[in-house]
């Protein structure tokens, strides 16, 4: 081997490797080619070293600046989450009322902690709950509900701490909304290998109006979003750890540089992976909150398998799909699907244990709806399986649950009752039809309305995403499609997978009564997409100073406009009383009214 060949060898490539002929021909015109990182760096890209220049400009000593930069990986996300939490818990109990579908979930959550299943409430229950002194008119007669119990267990936990009041039933949702901002910062940091872009994604979600309103309302969709985002984070950690094990197993040459190895890439057994099992549990909890989590399970399952294909291909597998089929597919399926199913069934434990008692003439008491369908006679509308079999103690409850679920499915697919705030999913990205959760028109001198007001004031809680963020998200989607389809950027593909899993399934039910706030499930991924687009606007590390300045000015202007937009609509997100003219000024589209 000549010294010249050794000097010009590229990291991660075998010494003596010749570039393609077209590259050699272009060298005469000054083309130098692009140095590719080594295989280990491609399997596990390193995090960028945090800079200290900003902290030194702000007056910190070099040693203090280095410590701040070193802790920025956690310090930055925690600071963003703290700001998000302060805004979400600010006047959390306002409006002091039952708003929108809180009338279902707040009361069902209380009941499920009392009995293990959803009881029955009279029509006057809301007024009596908000009365002073409070009266809780809950009956143990089972009520027919159409959503699984996990989200109601979560909401009810806050009620156990603070009582059956607006602050109590909104508390845990606000906690999850705040934690989701922290998670997104850390997920974005791992995804982009950049603390700045990770914190930017979290900050964008912190100032998204839809996420903000849903974090302050006792509905189920933000709970679904939390579990979906947590599952995505677990799969991301699993991806890094699996690739790190592959990288560590690759042989290295005398120069210490790892080489792709088909035998290792094809044959290395990764076995059961704890982070993927954790993702299965979290997806089971998402499904146990609302059934749209099923689509996320399918999408994330496909995504993690394709990640394994890419990992083994990078490590040197000649037939990566065959290698994944033999080594990874079975474990991936077991870690996600059966784990999610078992988690879902376990989430019904309160319903299962509400065995109740049978009263002649009144039927089953103190038990969940359809809890004893399987052992009831056919004349009573039951399954008529009877009792006395060896495994009836196990099979009858499962049969009853299956029947309950089939009835709920029929309800959902046939739900087409018109609603004034329903919307088609085609309109969600531009937020053309938000949902009004609460509206009052206080008279002059009442509830903060100025005494000299010429007309009534307006007080509304409007579940609408920050418009400029969502409109920027439309362009981010185009950028993500470009990066994924034409640049094979796996990060763009992962973000698109999260958006598609939370968004596209609703196009199958365009005749069904659906609402734009369902989109909160994919808000984290939309914010990741906008952050990735802003990172591209800032320019690559090797860009000229002029290019970087122009990119920084444009990106900074966009972020500041989004923050201003959130502040401008803040009274609409929090139900503050405002003059009618100020309310009309915020109705940018006629369809928002």
Protein backbone atom coordinates (compact mmCIF):
# COMPACT_ATOMS: atom_id res chain seq x y z
CA UNK A 1 0.00 0.00 0.00
CA UNK A 2 1.48 3.37 -0.98
CA UNK A 3 1.67 6.20 1.53
CA UNK A 4 -0.31 8.42 -0.84
CA UNK A 5 -3.23 5.96 -0.88
CA UNK A 6 -3.22 5.69 2.90
CA UNK A 7 -3.13 9.46 3.31
CA UNK A 8 -6.23 10.02 1.15
CA UNK A 9 -8.28 7.10 2.52
CA UNK A 10 -11.70 8.27 3.74
CA UNK A 11 -12.92 7.34 7.21
CA UNK A 12 -15.26 4.38 7.22
CA UNK A 13 -14.14 3.15 3.77
CA UNK A 14 -11.68 0.43 2.97
CA UNK A 15 -8.21 1.70 2.16
CA UNK A 16 -7.66 1.78 -1.58
CA UNK A 17 -11.35 2.45 -2.32
CA UNK A 18 -11.68 4.25 -5.64
CA UNK A 19 -14.44 6.86 -6.13
CA UNK A 20 -16.84 6.39 -9.05
CA UNK A 21 -15.59 7.26 -12.51
CA UNK A 22 -17.87 10.32 -12.80
CA UNK A 23 -16.34 11.76 -9.65
CA UNK A 24 -12.80 11.20 -10.96
CA UNK A 25 -13.71 12.97 -14.23
CA UNK A 26 -15.18 15.94 -12.38
CA UNK A 27 -12.06 16.43 -10.28
CA UNK A 28 -10.40 18.18 -13.19
CA UNK A 29 -13.04 20.90 -12.79
CA UNK A 30 -12.39 21.30 -9.08
CA UNK A 31 -14.93 18.80 -7.70
CA UNK A 32 -13.58 17.43 -4.44
CA UNK A 33 -16.39 15.04 -3.53
CA UNK A 34 -18.16 14.74 -0.20
CA UNK A 35 -16.53 12.95 2.69
CA UNK A 36 -18.93 10.48 4.23
CA UNK A 37 -18.79 9.76 7.95
CA UNK A 38 -17.69 6.34 9.12
CA UNK A 39 -20.18 3.52 9.52
CA UNK A 40 -20.29 3.92 13.30
CA UNK A 41 -21.01 7.63 12.97
CA UNK A 42 -23.75 6.86 10.45
CA UNK A 43 -25.30 4.28 12.77
CA UNK A 44 -25.13 6.55 15.81
CA UNK A 45 -24.57 10.20 14.80
CA UNK A 46 -22.90 12.15 17.61
CA UNK A 47 -24.53 15.14 19.28
CA UNK A 48 -23.13 18.51 18.35
CA UNK A 49 -20.87 20.02 20.98
CA UNK A 50 -22.77 22.83 22.74
CA UNK A 51 -21.36 26.27 22.11
CA UNK A 52 -20.31 28.72 24.82
CA UNK A 53 -20.15 31.93 22.79
CA UNK A 54 -23.66 33.12 23.72
CA UNK A 55 -23.06 32.67 27.45
CA UNK A 56 -19.70 34.45 27.27
CA UNK A 57 -21.36 37.37 25.46
CA UNK A 58 -23.90 37.51 28.29
CA UNK A 59 -21.04 37.88 30.77
CA UNK A 60 -20.32 34.36 31.97
CA UNK A 61 -16.73 33.30 32.54
CA UNK A 62 -15.38 30.63 30.16
CA UNK A 63 -15.64 27.92 32.84
CA UNK A 64 -19.18 28.95 33.80
CA UNK A 65 -20.18 29.13 30.13
CA UNK A 66 -18.84 25.61 29.63
CA UNK A 67 -20.87 24.32 32.58
CA UNK A 68 -24.05 26.01 31.33
CA UNK A 69 -23.52 24.60 27.85
CA UNK A 70 -22.88 21.14 29.27
CA UNK A 71 -26.17 21.18 31.17
CA UNK A 72 -28.17 22.76 28.34
CA UNK A 73 -29.35 19.34 27.16
CA UNK A 74 -31.63 19.20 30.20
CA UNK A 75 -31.62 22.83 31.29
CA UNK A 76 -33.10 24.11 28.03
CA UNK A 77 -36.00 21.62 27.89
CA UNK A 78 -36.78 22.14 31.59
CA UNK A 79 -36.90 25.92 31.11
CA UNK A 80 -39.26 25.59 28.13
CA UNK A 81 -41.46 23.15 30.09
CA UNK A 82 -41.52 25.52 33.08
CA UNK A 83 -42.81 28.36 30.90
CA UNK A 84 -45.39 26.03 29.37
CA UNK A 85 -46.51 24.85 32.79
CA UNK A 86 -46.89 28.36 34.19
CA UNK A 87 -49.18 29.37 31.34
CA UNK A 88 -51.19 26.15 31.48
CA UNK A 89 -51.84 26.29 35.23
CA UNK A 90 -52.61 30.01 35.21
CA UNK A 91 -56.28 30.34 36.29
CA UNK A 92 -56.80 26.68 35.38
CA UNK A 93 -60.17 26.62 37.12
CA UNK A 94 -61.53 29.34 34.82
CA UNK A 95 -64.15 29.20 33.41
CA UNK A 96 -65.68 27.90 36.61
CA UNK A 97 -68.10 25.83 34.61
CA UNK A 98 -68.52 22.53 32.79
CA UNK A 99 -67.36 23.31 29.26
CA UNK A 100 -68.08 21.30 26.11
CA UNK A 101 -67.55 17.52 26.54
CA UNK A 102 -66.30 17.90 30.11
CA UNK A 103 -69.92 17.14 30.88
CA UNK A 104 -69.16 13.50 30.00
CA UNK A 105 -65.57 12.85 30.97
CA UNK A 106 -65.32 14.79 34.23
CA UNK A 107 -68.32 12.96 35.68
CA UNK A 108 -67.37 9.57 34.24
CA UNK A 109 -63.89 10.01 35.70
CA UNK A 110 -65.33 10.59 39.17
CA UNK A 111 -67.60 7.58 38.80
CA UNK A 112 -64.86 5.28 37.59
CA UNK A 113 -62.78 6.03 40.69
CA UNK A 114 -65.84 5.47 42.88
CA UNK A 115 -67.15 2.22 41.37
CA UNK A 116 -64.63 1.06 38.77
CA UNK A 117 -67.17 1.76 36.01
CA UNK A 118 -69.30 4.64 34.75
CA UNK A 119 -72.45 5.21 36.79
CA UNK A 120 -75.51 7.28 35.98
CA UNK A 121 -76.02 11.02 36.50
CA UNK A 122 -79.29 13.00 36.37
CA UNK A 123 -79.75 15.85 33.89
CA UNK A 124 -79.28 18.43 36.62
CA UNK A 125 -75.93 16.97 37.70
CA UNK A 126 -73.75 19.82 36.39
CA UNK A 127 -75.63 22.49 38.32
CA UNK A 128 -75.65 20.44 41.49
CA UNK A 129 -71.94 19.71 41.23
CA UNK A 130 -71.16 23.45 40.87
CA UNK A 131 -73.58 24.46 43.64
CA UNK A 132 -72.37 25.60 47.05
CA UNK A 133 -72.66 23.46 49.03
CA UNK A 134 -71.90 20.81 46.45
CA UNK A 135 -74.06 17.75 45.92
CA UNK A 136 -72.81 14.81 43.84
CA UNK A 137 -75.89 12.95 42.54
CA UNK A 138 -74.16 9.79 41.30
CA UNK A 139 -76.08 6.53 40.99
CA UNK A 140 -74.43 3.10 40.85
CA UNK A 141 -76.65 2.09 37.93
CA UNK A 142 -74.33 1.35 35.00
CA UNK A 143 -74.22 3.86 32.16
CA UNK A 144 -73.51 3.11 28.50
CA UNK A 145 -70.31 4.93 27.45
CA UNK A 146 -68.44 4.77 24.15
CA UNK A 147 -64.79 5.33 25.11
CA UNK A 148 -62.35 3.08 27.00
CA UNK A 149 -61.44 3.96 30.59
CA UNK A 150 -57.74 5.02 30.63
CA UNK A 151 -58.28 8.71 29.97
CA UNK A 152 -61.00 8.84 32.59
CA UNK A 153 -58.72 7.17 35.14
CA UNK A 154 -56.18 9.92 34.39
CA UNK A 155 -58.70 12.76 34.70
CA UNK A 156 -60.14 11.21 37.86
CA UNK A 157 -56.74 11.19 39.54
CA UNK A 158 -56.80 14.97 39.65
CA UNK A 159 -60.32 14.85 41.03
CA UNK A 160 -59.12 12.58 43.83
CA UNK A 161 -56.55 15.23 44.76
CA UNK A 162 -58.63 18.39 44.39
CA UNK A 163 -62.25 17.30 44.30
CA UNK A 164 -64.97 17.32 41.66
CA UNK A 165 -64.35 20.91 40.58
CA UNK A 166 -63.07 22.47 37.32
CA UNK A 167 -59.52 22.73 38.68
CA UNK A 168 -59.64 19.12 39.87
CA UNK A 169 -60.83 17.58 36.63
CA UNK A 170 -58.43 19.70 34.54
CA UNK A 171 -55.38 19.21 36.74
CA UNK A 172 -53.97 15.96 35.32
CA UNK A 173 -54.59 17.04 31.74
CA UNK A 174 -52.56 20.19 32.43
CA UNK A 175 -49.81 18.04 33.95
CA UNK A 176 -49.67 15.85 30.85
CA UNK A 177 -49.74 18.92 28.60
CA UNK A 178 -46.73 20.35 30.44
CA UNK A 179 -44.83 17.05 30.47
CA UNK A 180 -45.49 16.60 26.75
CA UNK A 181 -43.63 19.88 26.09
CA UNK A 182 -40.66 18.57 28.08
CA UNK A 183 -40.78 15.26 26.21
CA UNK A 184 -40.93 16.98 22.83
CA UNK A 185 -37.85 19.05 23.63
CA UNK A 186 -35.89 15.91 24.48
CA UNK A 187 -37.33 13.95 21.54
CA UNK A 188 -36.46 16.77 19.15
CA UNK A 189 -32.96 16.92 20.58
CA UNK A 190 -32.45 13.21 19.98
CA UNK A 191 -34.06 13.32 16.54
CA UNK A 192 -32.10 16.34 15.23
CA UNK A 193 -28.99 15.89 17.42
CA UNK A 194 -29.51 19.56 18.32
CA UNK A 195 -30.58 20.96 21.68
CA UNK A 196 -31.61 24.20 20.00
CA UNK A 197 -33.97 22.57 17.49
CA UNK A 198 -35.37 20.26 20.17
CA UNK A 199 -36.15 23.20 22.46
CA UNK A 200 -37.56 25.10 19.49
CA UNK A 201 -40.00 22.27 18.74
CA UNK A 202 -41.09 22.20 22.38
CA UNK A 203 -41.44 25.98 22.49
CA UNK A 204 -43.60 25.93 19.36
CA UNK A 205 -45.93 23.41 20.96
CA UNK A 206 -45.98 25.48 24.15
CA UNK A 207 -47.43 28.39 22.15
CA UNK A 208 -49.83 26.37 20.03
CA UNK A 209 -53.37 27.40 20.88
CA UNK A 210 -54.93 24.00 20.25
CA UNK A 211 -52.46 22.20 22.49
CA UNK A 212 -52.86 24.95 25.09
CA UNK A 213 -56.67 24.78 25.21
CA UNK A 214 -56.67 20.99 25.22
CA UNK A 215 -54.15 21.08 28.11
CA UNK A 216 -56.71 23.05 30.12
CA UNK A 217 -59.83 21.01 29.30
CA UNK A 218 -60.85 17.60 30.67
CA UNK A 219 -61.15 15.83 27.32
CA UNK A 220 -59.51 12.59 26.20
CA UNK A 221 -57.60 13.66 23.09
CA UNK A 222 -54.65 15.29 24.84
CA UNK A 223 -54.23 12.13 26.93
CA UNK A 224 -54.02 10.14 23.68
CA UNK A 225 -51.45 12.63 22.37
CA UNK A 226 -49.32 12.23 25.51
CA UNK A 227 -49.14 8.44 25.25
CA UNK A 228 -48.50 8.57 21.48
CA UNK A 229 -45.65 11.05 21.91
CA UNK A 230 -44.16 9.02 24.77
CA UNK A 231 -44.32 5.87 22.62
CA UNK A 232 -42.56 7.68 19.77
CA UNK A 233 -39.83 8.77 22.17
CA UNK A 234 -39.36 5.21 23.41
CA UNK A 235 -39.05 3.91 19.86
CA UNK A 236 -36.51 6.63 19.11
CA UNK A 237 -34.39 5.57 22.11
CA UNK A 238 -34.78 1.94 21.03
CA UNK A 239 -33.54 2.85 17.55
CA UNK A 240 -30.42 4.51 18.90
CA UNK A 241 -29.63 1.66 21.27
CA UNK A 242 -30.13 -1.03 18.64
CA UNK A 243 -27.89 0.84 16.20
CA UNK A 244 -25.29 1.33 18.92
CA UNK A 245 -25.19 -2.44 19.52
CA UNK A 246 -24.73 -3.03 15.80
CA UNK A 247 -21.98 -0.41 15.65
CA UNK A 248 -20.17 -1.96 18.64
CA UNK A 249 -20.27 -5.41 17.03
CA UNK A 250 -18.70 -4.30 13.74
CA UNK A 251 -15.04 -5.24 13.25
CA UNK A 252 -12.44 -2.50 13.11
CA UNK A 253 -9.30 -2.43 11.02
CA UNK A 254 -5.76 -1.70 12.14
CA UNK A 255 -6.53 2.01 11.88
CA UNK A 256 -9.38 1.61 14.38
CA UNK A 257 -12.04 2.47 11.80
CA UNK A 258 -15.09 0.17 11.76
CA UNK A 259 -16.03 -1.53 8.53
CA UNK A 260 -19.48 -2.72 7.36
CA UNK A 261 -19.70 -6.46 7.88
CA UNK A 262 -22.42 -8.52 6.18
CA UNK A 263 -22.09 -11.39 8.66
CA UNK A 264 -22.56 -9.15 11.71
CA UNK A 265 -25.34 -7.12 10.10
CA UNK A 266 -27.17 -10.26 9.04
CA UNK A 267 -26.68 -12.42 12.12
CA UNK A 268 -26.52 -10.19 15.21
CA UNK A 269 -29.41 -11.04 17.55
CA UNK A 270 -30.89 -8.03 19.30
CA UNK A 271 -33.64 -9.99 21.08
CA UNK A 272 -36.29 -8.35 23.22
CA UNK A 273 -35.72 -4.61 23.54
CA UNK A 274 -37.08 -2.94 26.71
CA UNK A 275 -37.74 0.45 25.13
CA UNK A 276 -39.84 -1.13 22.40
CA UNK A 277 -41.83 -3.05 25.01
CA UNK A 278 -42.38 0.24 26.85
CA UNK A 279 -43.69 1.70 23.60
CA UNK A 280 -46.12 -1.22 23.36
CA UNK A 281 -47.44 -0.47 26.85
CA UNK A 282 -47.83 3.23 26.04
CA UNK A 283 -49.64 2.50 22.78
CA UNK A 284 -51.94 0.15 24.67
CA UNK A 285 -52.73 3.03 27.03
CA UNK A 286 -53.38 5.30 24.03
CA UNK A 287 -55.83 2.76 22.60
CA UNK A 288 -57.33 2.41 26.07
CA UNK A 289 -58.10 6.14 25.96
CA UNK A 290 -59.54 6.40 22.44
CA UNK A 291 -59.56 3.85 19.67
CA UNK A 292 -57.74 6.03 17.15
CA UNK A 293 -54.60 4.84 18.94
CA UNK A 294 -54.98 1.62 16.91
CA UNK A 295 -53.87 3.44 13.76
CA UNK A 296 -50.84 4.81 15.58
CA UNK A 297 -49.91 1.29 16.71
CA UNK A 298 -49.99 0.07 13.10
CA UNK A 299 -48.01 3.05 11.78
CA UNK A 300 -45.36 2.98 14.51
CA UNK A 301 -44.99 -0.79 14.16
CA UNK A 302 -44.20 -0.39 10.47
CA UNK A 303 -41.88 2.52 11.20
CA UNK A 304 -39.77 0.69 13.77
CA UNK A 305 -39.37 -2.33 11.47
CA UNK A 306 -38.22 -0.07 8.62
CA UNK A 307 -35.76 1.53 11.03
CA UNK A 308 -34.33 -1.95 11.65
CA UNK A 309 -34.01 -2.48 7.90
CA UNK A 310 -32.06 0.76 7.56
CA UNK A 311 -29.84 -0.14 10.51
CA UNK A 312 -28.85 -3.53 9.14
CA UNK A 313 -28.34 -2.10 5.66
CA UNK A 314 -25.98 0.55 7.03
CA UNK A 315 -24.13 -2.11 9.02
CA UNK A 316 -23.51 -4.03 5.79
CA UNK A 317 -26.40 -6.50 5.32
CA UNK A 318 -26.71 -7.47 1.67
CA UNK A 319 -30.37 -8.47 2.11
CA UNK A 320 -31.55 -6.27 4.99
CA UNK A 321 -35.24 -7.16 4.65
CA UNK A 322 -34.45 -10.85 4.95
CA UNK A 323 -32.21 -10.16 7.95
CA UNK A 324 -34.97 -8.19 9.69
CA UNK A 325 -37.51 -10.88 8.87
CA UNK A 326 -35.32 -13.50 10.55
CA UNK A 327 -33.94 -11.51 13.48
CA UNK A 328 -36.20 -8.57 14.32
CA UNK A 329 -39.74 -8.87 12.97
CA UNK A 330 -40.97 -11.45 15.46
CA UNK A 331 -39.63 -9.56 18.46
CA UNK A 332 -41.03 -6.29 17.10
CA UNK A 333 -44.49 -7.81 16.75
CA UNK A 334 -44.45 -9.40 20.21
CA UNK A 335 -43.12 -6.21 21.82
CA UNK A 336 -45.85 -4.03 20.35
CA UNK A 337 -49.06 -5.83 19.40
CA UNK A 338 -49.59 -8.43 22.19
CA UNK A 339 -48.20 -6.02 24.78
CA UNK A 340 -50.60 -3.30 23.62
CA UNK A 341 -53.55 -5.72 23.63
CA UNK A 342 -52.77 -6.98 27.14
CA UNK A 343 -52.35 -3.40 28.36
CA UNK A 344 -55.69 -2.48 26.84
CA UNK A 345 -57.47 -5.41 28.49
CA UNK A 346 -55.80 -4.62 31.83
CA UNK A 347 -57.08 -1.04 31.59
CA UNK A 348 -60.60 -2.46 31.99
CA UNK A 349 -59.71 -3.93 35.39
CA UNK A 350 -62.25 -1.74 37.18
CA UNK A 351 -64.99 -2.97 34.86
CA UNK A 352 -63.89 -6.60 35.29
CA UNK A 353 -63.82 -6.44 39.08
CA UNK A 354 -67.27 -4.81 39.30
CA UNK A 355 -68.90 -8.24 39.46
CA UNK A 356 -71.84 -6.80 41.44
CA UNK A 357 -74.83 -8.81 42.62
CA UNK A 358 -77.99 -10.09 41.00
CA UNK A 359 -81.35 -8.81 42.22
CA UNK A 360 -84.56 -10.54 41.10
CA UNK A 361 -86.64 -8.09 39.14
CA UNK A 362 -83.85 -5.50 38.89
CA UNK A 363 -81.12 -7.54 37.23
CA UNK A 364 -77.42 -6.99 37.88
CA UNK A 365 -76.49 -4.18 40.26
CA UNK A 366 -73.14 -2.62 41.15
CA UNK A 367 -71.55 -3.80 37.91
CA UNK A 368 -70.41 -2.19 34.66
CA UNK A 369 -72.54 -1.94 31.56
CA UNK A 370 -72.74 -5.31 29.74
CA UNK A 371 -70.46 -6.75 32.45
CA UNK A 372 -72.65 -9.90 32.71
CA UNK A 373 -73.90 -10.04 29.12
CA UNK A 374 -72.30 -13.45 28.47
CA UNK A 375 -74.00 -15.27 31.35
CA UNK A 376 -77.36 -13.54 30.96
CA UNK A 377 -80.18 -15.38 29.22
CA UNK A 378 -81.02 -14.68 25.58
CA UNK A 379 -84.43 -13.44 26.61
CA UNK A 380 -82.64 -10.63 28.42
CA UNK A 381 -80.61 -9.74 25.36
CA UNK A 382 -77.56 -11.53 26.63
CA UNK A 383 -75.24 -13.96 25.01
CA UNK A 384 -76.74 -16.98 26.70
CA UNK A 385 -73.40 -18.74 27.24
CA UNK A 386 -74.50 -19.69 30.72
CA UNK A 387 -72.32 -20.80 33.59
CA UNK A 388 -70.74 -23.99 34.79
CA UNK A 389 -67.88 -24.33 32.30
CA UNK A 390 -64.38 -24.81 33.64
CA UNK A 391 -63.12 -21.50 32.27
CA UNK A 392 -66.33 -19.48 32.37
CA UNK A 393 -64.85 -17.32 35.13
CA UNK A 394 -62.34 -16.08 32.54
CA UNK A 395 -64.15 -16.43 29.22
CA UNK A 396 -67.49 -14.87 30.15
CA UNK A 397 -66.04 -11.49 31.16
CA UNK A 398 -63.97 -11.46 27.95
CA UNK A 399 -67.03 -12.37 25.86
CA UNK A 400 -68.98 -9.61 27.57
CA UNK A 401 -66.21 -7.09 26.86
CA UNK A 402 -66.07 -8.20 23.22
CA UNK A 403 -69.81 -7.66 22.90
CA UNK A 404 -69.53 -4.25 24.54
CA UNK A 405 -66.76 -3.26 22.13
CA UNK A 406 -68.75 -4.43 19.09
CA UNK A 407 -71.70 -2.30 20.19
CA UNK A 408 -69.42 0.70 20.69
CA UNK A 409 -67.92 0.18 17.23
CA UNK A 410 -71.39 0.26 15.68
CA UNK A 411 -72.08 3.50 17.50
CA UNK A 412 -68.91 5.18 16.28
CA UNK A 413 -69.18 4.22 12.62
CA UNK A 414 -72.83 5.28 12.49
CA UNK A 415 -72.37 8.57 14.34
CA UNK A 416 -73.53 11.14 11.78
CA UNK A 417 -75.72 13.50 13.81
CA UNK A 418 -74.98 17.04 12.56
CA UNK A 419 -73.15 19.39 14.91
CA UNK A 420 -72.63 23.11 14.46
CA UNK A 421 -68.85 22.79 15.03
CA UNK A 422 -68.11 19.61 13.09
CA UNK A 423 -65.51 19.89 10.34
CA UNK A 424 -63.99 17.92 7.51
CA UNK A 425 -60.37 16.79 7.99
CA UNK A 426 -59.42 18.53 4.74
CA UNK A 427 -59.84 21.82 6.61
CA UNK A 428 -57.87 20.98 9.73
CA UNK A 429 -54.43 22.11 8.59
CA UNK A 430 -55.66 25.65 7.95
CA UNK A 431 -57.84 25.60 11.10
CA UNK A 432 -60.87 26.82 9.20
CA UNK A 433 -63.50 25.49 11.63
CA UNK A 434 -62.41 25.52 15.29
CA UNK A 435 -64.64 24.40 18.13
CA UNK A 436 -66.06 26.82 20.68
CA UNK A 437 -65.94 25.12 24.08
CA UNK A 438 -67.52 27.97 26.04
CA UNK A 439 -69.20 31.28 25.23
CA UNK A 440 -70.90 33.96 27.31
CA UNK A 441 -71.98 37.54 26.61
CA UNK A 442 -71.59 39.47 29.87
CA UNK A 443 -73.47 42.74 30.14
CA UNK A 444 -71.72 46.04 30.82
CA UNK A 445 -70.35 46.10 34.35
CA UNK A 446 -70.55 42.30 34.79
CA UNK A 447 -67.75 39.68 34.81
CA UNK A 448 -65.07 42.15 33.74
CA UNK A 449 -67.07 43.84 30.99
CA UNK A 450 -66.40 47.64 31.16
CA UNK A 451 -69.23 49.66 32.65
CA UNK A 452 -69.16 52.08 29.73
CA UNK A 453 -69.34 49.32 27.10
CA UNK A 454 -71.78 50.24 24.33
CA UNK A 455 -72.79 46.59 23.88
CA UNK A 456 -72.35 43.24 25.51
CA UNK A 457 -68.84 41.82 25.83
CA UNK A 458 -67.66 38.39 24.70
CA UNK A 459 -66.10 35.60 26.74
CA UNK A 460 -65.07 32.50 24.82
CA UNK A 461 -62.80 29.45 24.97
CA UNK A 462 -61.98 28.62 21.36
CA UNK A 463 -60.07 25.43 20.55
CA UNK A 464 -58.03 26.72 17.63
CA UNK A 465 -54.36 26.22 16.83
CA UNK A 466 -52.15 29.28 16.65
CA UNK A 467 -52.96 30.24 13.03
CA UNK A 468 -49.47 31.30 11.91
CA UNK A 469 -47.96 28.11 13.37
CA UNK A 470 -50.44 25.90 11.51
CA UNK A 471 -50.11 27.82 8.27
CA UNK A 472 -46.32 27.50 8.55
CA UNK A 473 -46.95 23.82 9.21
CA UNK A 474 -48.52 23.49 5.75
CA UNK A 475 -45.20 24.56 4.21
CA UNK A 476 -43.33 22.33 6.64
CA UNK A 477 -45.32 19.34 5.36
CA UNK A 478 -44.14 20.09 1.81
CA UNK A 479 -40.56 20.38 3.04
CA UNK A 480 -40.83 17.09 4.92
CA UNK A 481 -42.18 15.33 1.84
CA UNK A 482 -39.25 16.70 -0.17
CA UNK A 483 -36.68 15.58 2.41
CA UNK A 484 -38.21 12.14 2.74
CA UNK A 485 -39.01 11.37 -0.91
CA UNK A 486 -36.02 12.97 -2.62
CA UNK A 487 -33.33 13.06 0.07
CA UNK A 488 -34.23 9.86 1.96
CA UNK A 489 -34.07 11.71 5.27
CA UNK A 490 -35.31 9.27 7.88
CA UNK A 491 -36.08 12.10 10.30
CA UNK A 492 -38.58 13.61 7.89
CA UNK A 493 -40.07 10.15 7.37
CA UNK A 494 -40.47 9.65 11.14
CA UNK A 495 -42.21 13.01 11.55
CA UNK A 496 -44.48 12.32 8.58
CA UNK A 497 -45.35 8.94 10.08
CA UNK A 498 -46.50 10.61 13.30
CA UNK A 499 -48.58 13.16 11.38
CA UNK A 500 -50.09 10.54 9.08
CA UNK A 501 -50.99 8.20 11.96
CA UNK A 502 -52.91 10.94 13.76
CA UNK A 503 -54.40 12.63 10.70
CA UNK A 504 -55.03 10.41 7.68
CA UNK A 505 -57.35 7.84 9.38
CA UNK A 506 -60.01 10.53 9.82
CA UNK A 507 -60.35 10.78 6.04
CA UNK A 508 -61.96 7.32 6.20
CA UNK A 509 -64.83 8.79 8.23
CA UNK A 510 -65.65 12.02 6.44
CA UNK A 511 -69.38 11.35 6.79
CA UNK A 512 -68.99 10.90 10.54
CA UNK A 513 -69.40 13.72 13.06
CA UNK A 514 -65.77 14.72 13.72
CA UNK A 515 -64.07 17.82 15.07
CA UNK A 516 -60.84 19.68 14.40
CA UNK A 517 -59.58 19.28 17.97
CA UNK A 518 -58.88 15.60 17.17
CA UNK A 519 -55.80 17.03 15.42
CA UNK A 520 -54.09 17.62 18.79
CA UNK A 521 -52.78 14.03 18.54
CA UNK A 522 -50.35 15.02 15.76
CA UNK A 523 -49.53 18.55 16.99
CA UNK A 524 -46.12 17.44 18.41
CA UNK A 525 -45.07 16.07 15.04
CA UNK A 526 -46.26 19.21 13.26
CA UNK A 527 -44.08 21.26 15.62
CA UNK A 528 -41.12 18.94 14.92
CA UNK A 529 -41.69 19.54 11.20
CA UNK A 530 -41.75 23.32 11.59
CA UNK A 531 -38.59 23.15 13.72
CA UNK A 532 -36.86 21.04 11.06
CA UNK A 533 -37.90 23.53 8.37
CA UNK A 534 -36.56 26.42 10.46
CA UNK A 535 -33.30 24.52 10.90
CA UNK A 536 -33.03 24.34 7.11
CA UNK A 537 -33.76 28.07 6.84
CA UNK A 538 -30.89 28.77 9.22
CA UNK A 539 -28.56 27.08 6.77
CA UNK A 540 -26.03 24.24 7.01
CA UNK A 541 -22.95 24.57 9.24
CA UNK A 542 -20.69 25.28 6.25
CA UNK A 543 -22.85 28.09 4.84
CA UNK A 544 -21.47 31.59 4.37
CA UNK A 545 -21.91 34.25 7.03
CA UNK A 546 -24.32 36.15 4.81
CA UNK A 547 -26.45 33.06 4.27
CA UNK A 548 -26.54 32.36 7.99
CA UNK A 549 -27.52 35.93 8.86
CA UNK A 550 -30.35 35.98 6.32
CA UNK A 551 -31.56 32.61 7.55
CA UNK A 552 -31.40 33.69 11.19
CA UNK A 553 -33.35 36.88 10.51
CA UNK A 554 -36.05 35.05 8.54
CA UNK A 555 -36.35 32.22 11.05
CA UNK A 556 -36.35 34.56 14.02
CA UNK A 557 -39.06 36.69 12.44
CA UNK A 558 -41.22 33.61 11.86
CA UNK A 559 -40.82 32.39 15.46
CA UNK A 560 -41.54 35.85 16.89
CA UNK A 561 -44.66 36.17 14.73
CA UNK A 562 -45.91 32.79 15.99
CA UNK A 563 -45.32 33.84 19.61
CA UNK A 564 -47.09 37.17 18.97
CA UNK A 565 -49.98 35.31 17.36
CA UNK A 566 -50.35 33.13 20.47
CA UNK A 567 -50.33 36.19 22.74
CA UNK A 568 -52.86 37.96 20.52
CA UNK A 569 -55.29 35.04 20.73
CA UNK A 570 -54.55 34.34 24.41
CA UNK A 571 -57.85 35.88 25.63
CA UNK A 572 -59.71 33.46 23.35
CA UNK A 573 -57.79 30.50 24.74
CA UNK A 574 -58.45 31.37 28.38
CA UNK A 575 -62.03 32.64 28.32
CA UNK A 576 -61.19 36.22 29.24
CA UNK A 577 -63.89 38.85 28.94
CA UNK A 578 -63.17 41.33 26.13
CA UNK A 579 -65.09 44.08 24.32
CA UNK A 580 -67.07 42.84 21.35
CA UNK A 581 -64.90 44.83 18.94
CA UNK A 582 -61.77 43.10 20.26
CA UNK A 583 -63.46 39.72 19.88
CA UNK A 584 -64.53 40.50 16.30
CA UNK A 585 -60.99 41.61 15.45
CA UNK A 586 -59.79 38.11 16.33
CA UNK A 587 -62.36 36.40 14.11
CA UNK A 588 -60.05 36.36 11.10
CA UNK A 589 -62.30 33.98 9.17
CA UNK A 590 -66.09 33.94 9.04
CA UNK A 591 -66.02 30.20 9.73
CA UNK A 592 -64.52 30.85 13.17
CA UNK A 593 -67.81 32.25 14.42
